[in-house]
Each structure stands twice: as structure tokens, then as C-alpha cells.
Amino acid sequence: MSFALVRSVVGAAVLAIASFSSQASLIVNGDFEANPINPNSWTWMPSSQVPGWQGSNIEIWNLMNGVQAVTGNHFIELNAHGSNQGAWSIFQSFATDIGQSYELSFYYRARNGSNEQFEVTVADLSQTLNDHTNRGWSFFSSSFVATDTNTTLRFTSHNSGTIGNFLDGVSVVAQQGVAAVPAPATMGVMALGLLLLGAGRRFTHR
């Protein structure tokens, strides 16, 4: 076996390890791009028509009133158009490992002014956000520990009416280092890479 071939195989093994290690968000449609919306327009629909989300109506914007999305082209207004009973609230449930630490992050912005506020809850984390401005996006990031195999993330507006509280780029990822034991497949790839690397070294020093 040539060293070039060994190096190529080891490189592939490293890429495979990286793919296992990369953390994809557990939130489905966290940037609200799944529904087609024309530029400079908006629409609203029942949450049942927005992949991943449940709860109240969801109003999706695409570059309306000069507001640019942070991720992709779309963002939502939590205080959506249409009728609603009780507080405006949307949520999404996802599989988690008990005791695992996760990182929640998202962007938020006021539509009109600082009197807008909403609450975000997930597992042992609950926080009311009232520090946002209509002059730009703010970024929220915090960790939580899963207490169940199924966890629900919820956003609830503290304002009535159909104006207020933009959201974008919602993400939940498992924090690195908490679940320290690599998956068996990852261990196998690592072992293969080390074995081939040793073979390559023996070959070049013959």
C-alpha cells in the first residue's frame, strides 16, 4: 500500500469523524424558510402549515418594511395576523437525552418598540425578553439540561394584538464534551484511521 493511498484513506476517516462530531440543530425549520414567500411581502397561516411548529398562527415575512432576515430570507412575527385565543404562543418538541446539556440560540427584534416582550421556555430554562429594539436584531444564547427524552421549546408573547416580536434563526444543539463517549461507529472510524496511519509509516520506513 502506498503512503499516498494511506494518507487519502486516513483523510477520509478524519472527515467521517468530523461528520459524526458536527452538531446539527434539533429544531426543524428554525429559520422559517420552508414556506415560499415572495420578496417584499408577508403571509400568515395556521402553525399546522409551517413545518416543525405548533401553536398559534405564524406570520412569515420576507424583507418587509426594510427588515432583513438574519438567516436565509424569512423570519416570523410571533404576534401573528388572524384570530387567536389567549396569548400568542408557538412551540416545537424534539428528542433529547436526559442529563445532556444543550445550547439554545435565536435572534429576536421588536417591530414597534421596547414595550414588546415575550417569554422563552425549554426544560429548566425560562426567561422573559424585553430588551429588544426595532433598530436591529439581538442575539440570545443560553444552555439547559434535558430532564426528559422529549423536550418542548416554546415562545409566548406577553403582548396582545397582532403587532410585535420578530424571531429568526432558532437553534438547539447538544453541547460538546457533556456526552464524552464517542458513538461506536465513530470509534470504529478512528481505529481504522490509526491502523492505516501506522501501516503507512511502516511502509515509508522499510
C-alpha atoms as a PDB file:
ATOM      1  CA  MET A   1       0.000   0.000   0.000  1.00  0.00           C
ATOM      2  CA  SER A   2       1.424   3.401  -0.962  1.00  0.00           C
ATOM      3  CA  PHE A   3       1.718   6.183   1.597  1.00  0.00           C
ATOM      4  CA  ALA A   4      -0.359   8.434  -0.670  1.00  0.00           C
ATOM      5  CA  LEU A   5      -3.194   5.914  -0.538  1.00  0.00           C
ATOM      6  CA  VAL A   6      -2.877   5.567   3.219  1.00  0.00           C
ATOM      7  CA  ARG A   7      -2.962   9.352   3.617  1.00  0.00           C
ATOM      8  CA  SER A   8      -6.064   9.510   1.411  1.00  0.00           C
ATOM      9  CA  VAL A   9      -7.859   6.854   3.432  1.00  0.00           C
ATOM     10  CA  VAL A  10      -6.865   8.471   6.730  1.00  0.00           C
ATOM     11  CA  GLY A  11      -8.110  11.802   5.399  1.00  0.00           C
ATOM     12  CA  ALA A  12     -11.451  10.211   4.582  1.00  0.00           C
ATOM     13  CA  ALA A  13     -11.555   8.743   8.079  1.00  0.00           C
ATOM     14  CA  VAL A  14     -10.939  12.160   9.616  1.00  0.00           C
ATOM     15  CA  LEU A  15     -13.733  13.641   7.521  1.00  0.00           C
ATOM     16  CA  ALA A  16     -16.050  10.865   8.650  1.00  0.00           C
ATOM     17  CA  ILE A  17     -15.145  11.561  12.277  1.00  0.00           C
ATOM     18  CA  ALA A  18     -15.854  15.264  11.718  1.00  0.00           C
ATOM     19  CA  SER A  19     -19.247  14.440  10.261  1.00  0.00           C
ATOM     20  CA  PHE A  20     -20.127  12.390  13.344  1.00  0.00           C
ATOM     21  CA  SER A  21     -18.895  15.181  15.612  1.00  0.00           C
ATOM     22  CA  SER A  22     -20.683  18.051  13.903  1.00  0.00           C
ATOM     23  CA  GLN A  23     -23.757  19.248  15.741  1.00  0.00           C
ATOM     24  CA  ALA A  24     -26.868  19.784  13.658  1.00  0.00           C
ATOM     25  CA  SER A  25     -29.723  21.733  15.170  1.00  0.00           C
ATOM     26  CA  LEU A  26     -32.529  19.660  16.634  1.00  0.00           C
ATOM     27  CA  ILE A  27     -35.049  22.320  15.609  1.00  0.00           C
ATOM     28  CA  VAL A  28     -36.949  21.710  12.368  1.00  0.00           C
ATOM     29  CA  ASN A  29     -37.352  24.810  10.189  1.00  0.00           C
ATOM     30  CA  GLY A  30     -35.715  27.062  12.758  1.00  0.00           C
ATOM     31  CA  ASP A  31     -35.085  29.767  10.156  1.00  0.00           C
ATOM     32  CA  PHE A  32     -38.666  29.548   8.812  1.00  0.00           C
ATOM     33  CA  GLU A  33     -37.557  29.049   5.204  1.00  0.00           C
ATOM     34  CA  ALA A  34     -39.782  26.040   4.441  1.00  0.00           C
ATOM     35  CA  ASN A  35     -42.798  28.036   3.185  1.00  0.00           C
ATOM     36  CA  PRO A  36     -42.415  30.008  -0.070  1.00  0.00           C
ATOM     37  CA  ILE A  37     -42.866  33.747   0.461  1.00  0.00           C
ATOM     38  CA  ASN A  38     -42.248  36.353  -2.247  1.00  0.00           C
ATOM     39  CA  PRO A  39     -39.685  39.090  -1.505  1.00  0.00           C
ATOM     40  CA  ASN A  40     -41.085  42.304  -0.017  1.00  0.00           C
ATOM     41  CA  SER A  41     -44.182  40.528   1.231  1.00  0.00           C
ATOM     42  CA  TRP A  42     -45.604  38.582   4.148  1.00  0.00           C
ATOM     43  CA  THR A  43     -48.245  35.987   4.824  1.00  0.00           C
ATOM     44  CA  TRP A  44     -49.807  34.248   7.779  1.00  0.00           C
ATOM     45  CA  MET A  45     -51.068  30.720   8.212  1.00  0.00           C
ATOM     46  CA  PRO A  46     -52.042  28.214  10.882  1.00  0.00           C
ATOM     47  CA  SER A  47     -48.963  26.700  12.515  1.00  0.00           C
ATOM     48  CA  SER A  48     -50.062  23.310  11.158  1.00  0.00           C
ATOM     49  CA  GLN A  49     -48.948  24.565   7.735  1.00  0.00           C
ATOM     50  CA  VAL A  50     -45.480  25.569   8.950  1.00  0.00           C
ATOM     51  CA  PRO A  51     -43.170  22.509   9.168  1.00  0.00           C
ATOM     52  CA  GLY A  52     -41.885  21.774  12.649  1.00  0.00           C
ATOM     53  CA  TRP A  53     -44.021  24.241  14.580  1.00  0.00           C
ATOM     54  CA  GLN A  54     -47.306  24.065  16.516  1.00  0.00           C
ATOM     55  CA  GLY A  55     -49.492  26.516  18.413  1.00  0.00           C
ATOM     56  CA  SER A  56     -50.889  29.880  17.308  1.00  0.00           C
ATOM     57  CA  ASN A  57     -50.916  31.280  13.785  1.00  0.00           C
ATOM     58  CA  ILE A  58     -47.484  32.105  12.354  1.00  0.00           C
ATOM     59  CA  GLU A  59     -46.790  35.222  10.298  1.00  0.00           C
ATOM     60  CA  ILE A  60     -43.813  34.916   7.944  1.00  0.00           C
ATOM     61  CA  TRP A  61     -42.013  37.950   6.496  1.00  0.00           C
ATOM     62  CA  ASN A  62     -39.612  38.254   3.577  1.00  0.00           C
ATOM     63  CA  LEU A  63     -37.803  41.633   3.532  1.00  0.00           C
ATOM     64  CA  MET A  64     -40.872  43.630   4.537  1.00  0.00           C
ATOM     65  CA  ASN A  65     -40.570  47.234   5.750  1.00  0.00           C
ATOM     66  CA  GLY A  66     -36.822  47.109   5.190  1.00  0.00           C
ATOM     67  CA  VAL A  67     -36.274  44.372   7.788  1.00  0.00           C
ATOM     68  CA  GLN A  68     -33.737  41.794   6.595  1.00  0.00           C
ATOM     69  CA  ALA A  69     -33.722  38.247   7.961  1.00  0.00           C
ATOM     70  CA  VAL A  70     -30.610  37.137   9.842  1.00  0.00           C
ATOM     71  CA  THR A  71     -30.551  33.650   8.350  1.00  0.00           C
ATOM     72  CA  GLY A  72     -31.958  32.964   4.896  1.00  0.00           C
ATOM     73  CA  ASN A  73     -34.733  35.235   3.657  1.00  0.00           C
ATOM     74  CA  HIS A  74     -37.536  34.673   6.150  1.00  0.00           C
ATOM     75  CA  PHE A  75     -38.314  35.496   9.760  1.00  0.00           C
ATOM     76  CA  ILE A  76     -41.567  35.419  11.724  1.00  0.00           C
ATOM     77  CA  GLU A  77     -43.687  37.756  13.774  1.00  0.00           C
ATOM     78  CA  LEU A  78     -44.782  35.994  16.955  1.00  0.00           C
ATOM     79  CA  ASN A  79     -47.844  38.249  17.278  1.00  0.00           C
ATOM     80  CA  ALA A  80     -49.345  36.976  14.067  1.00  0.00           C
ATOM     81  CA  HIS A  81     -52.266  38.106  11.951  1.00  0.00           C
ATOM     82  CA  GLY A  82     -55.651  36.445  12.369  1.00  0.00           C
ATOM     83  CA  SER A  83     -57.759  35.459  15.355  1.00  0.00           C
ATOM     84  CA  ASN A  84     -56.241  33.886  18.439  1.00  0.00           C
ATOM     85  CA  GLN A  85     -57.479  32.706  21.824  1.00  0.00           C
ATOM     86  CA  GLY A  86     -55.176  33.596  24.694  1.00  0.00           C
ATOM     87  CA  ALA A  87     -51.524  34.552  24.360  1.00  0.00           C
ATOM     88  CA  TRP A  88     -49.712  34.163  21.049  1.00  0.00           C
ATOM     89  CA  SER A  89     -47.555  31.091  21.507  1.00  0.00           C
ATOM     90  CA  ILE A  90     -45.695  28.671  19.233  1.00  0.00           C
ATOM     91  CA  PHE A  91     -43.736  25.589  20.237  1.00  0.00           C
ATOM     92  CA  GLN A  92     -41.744  22.641  18.951  1.00  0.00           C
ATOM     93  CA  SER A  93     -40.879  19.322  20.626  1.00  0.00           C
ATOM     94  CA  PHE A  94     -37.739  17.298  19.919  1.00  0.00           C
ATOM     95  CA  ALA A  95     -35.926  14.207  21.199  1.00  0.00           C
ATOM     96  CA  THR A  96     -33.319  14.733  23.927  1.00  0.00           C
ATOM     97  CA  ASP A  97     -31.111  12.669  26.246  1.00  0.00           C
ATOM     98  CA  ILE A  98     -31.779  13.057  29.963  1.00  0.00           C
ATOM     99  CA  GLY A  99     -28.866  14.841  31.655  1.00  0.00           C
ATOM    100  CA  GLN A 100     -27.423  16.119  28.378  1.00  0.00           C
ATOM    101  CA  SER A 101     -26.686  19.842  28.182  1.00  0.00           C
ATOM    102  CA  TYR A 102     -27.970  21.731  25.139  1.00  0.00           C
ATOM    103  CA  GLU A 103     -27.425  25.213  23.749  1.00  0.00           C
ATOM    104  CA  LEU A 104     -30.465  27.249  22.704  1.00  0.00           C
ATOM    105  CA  SER A 105     -29.916  30.261  20.461  1.00  0.00           C
ATOM    106  CA  PHE A 106     -32.054  32.568  18.341  1.00  0.00           C
ATOM    107  CA  TYR A 107     -32.335  36.135  17.092  1.00  0.00           C
ATOM    108  CA  TYR A 108     -35.094  38.499  18.195  1.00  0.00           C
ATOM    109  CA  ARG A 109     -36.200  42.001  17.348  1.00  0.00           C
ATOM    110  CA  ALA A 110     -39.054  44.373  18.178  1.00  0.00           C
ATOM    111  CA  ARG A 111     -41.382  45.506  15.440  1.00  0.00           C
ATOM    112  CA  ASN A 112     -42.509  48.794  17.005  1.00  0.00           C
ATOM    113  CA  GLY A 113     -40.767  49.478  20.303  1.00  0.00           C
ATOM    114  CA  SER A 114     -39.281  48.300  23.564  1.00  0.00           C
ATOM    115  CA  ASN A 115     -42.699  47.665  25.145  1.00  0.00           C
ATOM    116  CA  GLU A 116     -42.816  44.383  23.229  1.00  0.00           C
ATOM    117  CA  GLN A 117     -41.804  41.332  25.231  1.00  0.00           C
ATOM    118  CA  PHE A 118     -42.047  37.576  25.084  1.00  0.00           C
ATOM    119  CA  GLU A 119     -41.075  34.537  27.133  1.00  0.00           C
ATOM    120  CA  VAL A 120     -38.953  31.589  26.020  1.00  0.00           C
ATOM    121  CA  THR A 121     -39.155  28.302  27.929  1.00  0.00           C
ATOM    122  CA  VAL A 122     -37.400  24.975  27.433  1.00  0.00           C
ATOM    123  CA  ALA A 123     -36.755  22.320  30.117  1.00  0.00           C
ATOM    124  CA  ASP A 124     -35.272  24.127  33.162  1.00  0.00           C
ATOM    125  CA  LEU A 125     -34.808  27.418  31.273  1.00  0.00           C
ATOM    126  CA  SER A 126     -37.407  30.193  31.401  1.00  0.00           C
ATOM    127  CA  GLN A 127     -36.674  33.801  30.508  1.00  0.00           C
ATOM    128  CA  THR A 128     -38.668  36.893  29.559  1.00  0.00           C
ATOM    129  CA  LEU A 129     -37.023  39.122  26.945  1.00  0.00           C
ATOM    130  CA  ASN A 130     -37.952  42.797  26.930  1.00  0.00           C
ATOM    131  CA  ASP A 131     -34.620  44.322  25.899  1.00  0.00           C
ATOM    132  CA  HIS A 132     -35.126  44.240  22.146  1.00  0.00           C
ATOM    133  CA  THR A 133     -35.317  47.184  19.786  1.00  0.00           C
ATOM    134  CA  ASN A 134     -36.752  47.824  16.348  1.00  0.00           C
ATOM    135  CA  ARG A 135     -33.381  49.216  15.227  1.00  0.00           C
ATOM    136  CA  GLY A 136     -31.726  45.819  14.803  1.00  0.00           C
ATOM    137  CA  TRP A 137     -31.568  42.161  15.771  1.00  0.00           C
ATOM    138  CA  SER A 138     -30.455  40.946  19.210  1.00  0.00           C
ATOM    139  CA  PHE A 139     -28.942  37.512  19.824  1.00  0.00           C
ATOM    140  CA  PHE A 140     -29.969  35.158  22.631  1.00  0.00           C
ATOM    141  CA  SER A 141     -27.930  32.142  23.733  1.00  0.00           C
ATOM    142  CA  SER A 142     -28.262  30.020  26.850  1.00  0.00           C
ATOM    143  CA  SER A 143     -27.865  26.423  27.938  1.00  0.00           C
ATOM    144  CA  PHE A 144     -30.316  23.983  29.500  1.00  0.00           C
ATOM    145  CA  VAL A 145     -30.200  20.399  30.719  1.00  0.00           C
ATOM    146  CA  ALA A 146     -32.751  17.934  29.390  1.00  0.00           C
ATOM    147  CA  THR A 147     -34.898  16.301  32.060  1.00  0.00           C
ATOM    148  CA  ASP A 148     -36.891  14.090  29.682  1.00  0.00           C
ATOM    149  CA  THR A 149     -36.456  12.202  26.431  1.00  0.00           C
ATOM    150  CA  ASN A 150     -38.839  14.658  24.770  1.00  0.00           C
ATOM    151  CA  THR A 151     -38.317  18.395  25.304  1.00  0.00           C
ATOM    152  CA  THR A 152     -40.511  21.316  24.216  1.00  0.00           C
ATOM    153  CA  LEU A 153     -39.268  24.771  23.240  1.00  0.00           C
ATOM    154  CA  ARG A 154     -41.953  27.459  23.482  1.00  0.00           C
ATOM    155  CA  PHE A 155     -42.145  31.166  22.627  1.00  0.00           C
ATOM    156  CA  THR A 156     -45.033  33.104  24.196  1.00  0.00           C
ATOM    157  CA  SER A 157     -45.803  36.782  23.654  1.00  0.00           C
ATOM    158  CA  HIS A 158     -46.671  38.970  26.625  1.00  0.00           C
ATOM    159  CA  ASN A 159     -48.389  41.467  24.316  1.00  0.00           C
ATOM    160  CA  SER A 160     -51.889  41.284  22.892  1.00  0.00           C
ATOM    161  CA  GLY A 161     -52.747  42.324  19.360  1.00  0.00           C
ATOM    162  CA  THR A 162     -51.175  41.372  16.050  1.00  0.00           C
ATOM    163  CA  ILE A 163     -48.021  43.509  16.093  1.00  0.00           C
ATOM    164  CA  GLY A 164     -44.784  42.550  17.788  1.00  0.00           C
ATOM    165  CA  ASN A 165     -41.826  40.242  18.460  1.00  0.00           C
ATOM    166  CA  PHE A 166     -39.802  39.085  15.438  1.00  0.00           C
ATOM    167  CA  LEU A 167     -37.888  35.765  15.638  1.00  0.00           C
ATOM    168  CA  ASP A 168     -35.294  34.127  13.401  1.00  0.00           C
ATOM    169  CA  GLY A 169     -32.535  31.502  13.414  1.00  0.00           C
ATOM    170  CA  VAL A 170     -33.874  29.285  16.210  1.00  0.00           C
ATOM    171  CA  SER A 171     -31.405  26.510  17.039  1.00  0.00           C
ATOM    172  CA  VAL A 172     -30.836  23.834  19.682  1.00  0.00           C
ATOM    173  CA  VAL A 173     -27.626  21.787  19.671  1.00  0.00           C
ATOM    174  CA  ALA A 174     -26.103  19.314  22.100  1.00  0.00           C
ATOM    175  CA  GLN A 175     -23.117  20.831  23.881  1.00  0.00           C
ATOM    176  CA  GLN A 176     -19.774  19.205  23.144  1.00  0.00           C
ATOM    177  CA  GLY A 177     -17.988  17.374  25.922  1.00  0.00           C
ATOM    178  CA  VAL A 178     -21.035  16.534  28.028  1.00  0.00           C
ATOM    179  CA  ALA A 179     -21.661  13.186  26.381  1.00  0.00           C
ATOM    180  CA  ALA A 180     -17.985  12.322  26.165  1.00  0.00           C
ATOM    181  CA  VAL A 181     -18.164   8.724  24.934  1.00  0.00           C
ATOM    182  CA  PRO A 182     -17.980   8.601  21.096  1.00  0.00           C
ATOM    183  CA  ALA A 183     -20.557   6.580  19.217  1.00  0.00           C
ATOM    184  CA  PRO A 184     -19.413   3.040  18.267  1.00  0.00           C
ATOM    185  CA  ALA A 185     -19.330   3.948  14.594  1.00  0.00           C
ATOM    186  CA  THR A 186     -17.077   6.909  15.371  1.00  0.00           C
ATOM    187  CA  MET A 187     -14.746   4.694  17.417  1.00  0.00           C
ATOM    188  CA  GLY A 188     -14.545   2.268  14.511  1.00  0.00           C
ATOM    189  CA  VAL A 189     -13.603   5.005  12.068  1.00  0.00           C
ATOM    190  CA  MET A 190     -10.965   6.336  14.483  1.00  0.00           C
ATOM    191  CA  ALA A 191      -9.473   2.867  14.907  1.00  0.00           C
ATOM    192  CA  LEU A 192      -9.375   2.346  11.149  1.00  0.00           C
ATOM    193  CA  GLY A 193      -7.640   5.675  10.644  1.00  0.00           C
ATOM    194  CA  LEU A 194      -4.978   4.931  13.266  1.00  0.00           C
ATOM    195  CA  LEU A 195      -4.397   1.436  11.876  1.00  0.00           C
ATOM    196  CA  LEU A 196      -3.931   2.725   8.346  1.00  0.00           C
ATOM    197  CA  LEU A 197      -1.706   5.556   9.509  1.00  0.00           C
ATOM    198  CA  GLY A 198       0.551   3.042  11.282  1.00  0.00           C
ATOM    199  CA  ALA A 199       0.647   0.908   8.151  1.00  0.00           C
ATOM    200  CA  GLY A 200       1.668   3.922   6.117  1.00  0.00           C
ATOM    201  CA  ARG A 201       4.516   4.747   8.470  1.00  0.00           C
ATOM    202  CA  ARG A 202       5.818   1.192   8.319  1.00  0.00           C
ATOM    203  CA  PHE A 203       5.662   1.314   4.542  1.00  0.00           C
ATOM    204  CA  THR A 204       7.700   4.519   4.254  1.00  0.00           C
ATOM    205  CA  HIS A 205      10.423   3.275   6.636  1.00  0.00           C
ATOM    206  CA  ARG A 206      11.007  -0.139   5.045  1.00  0.00           C
END
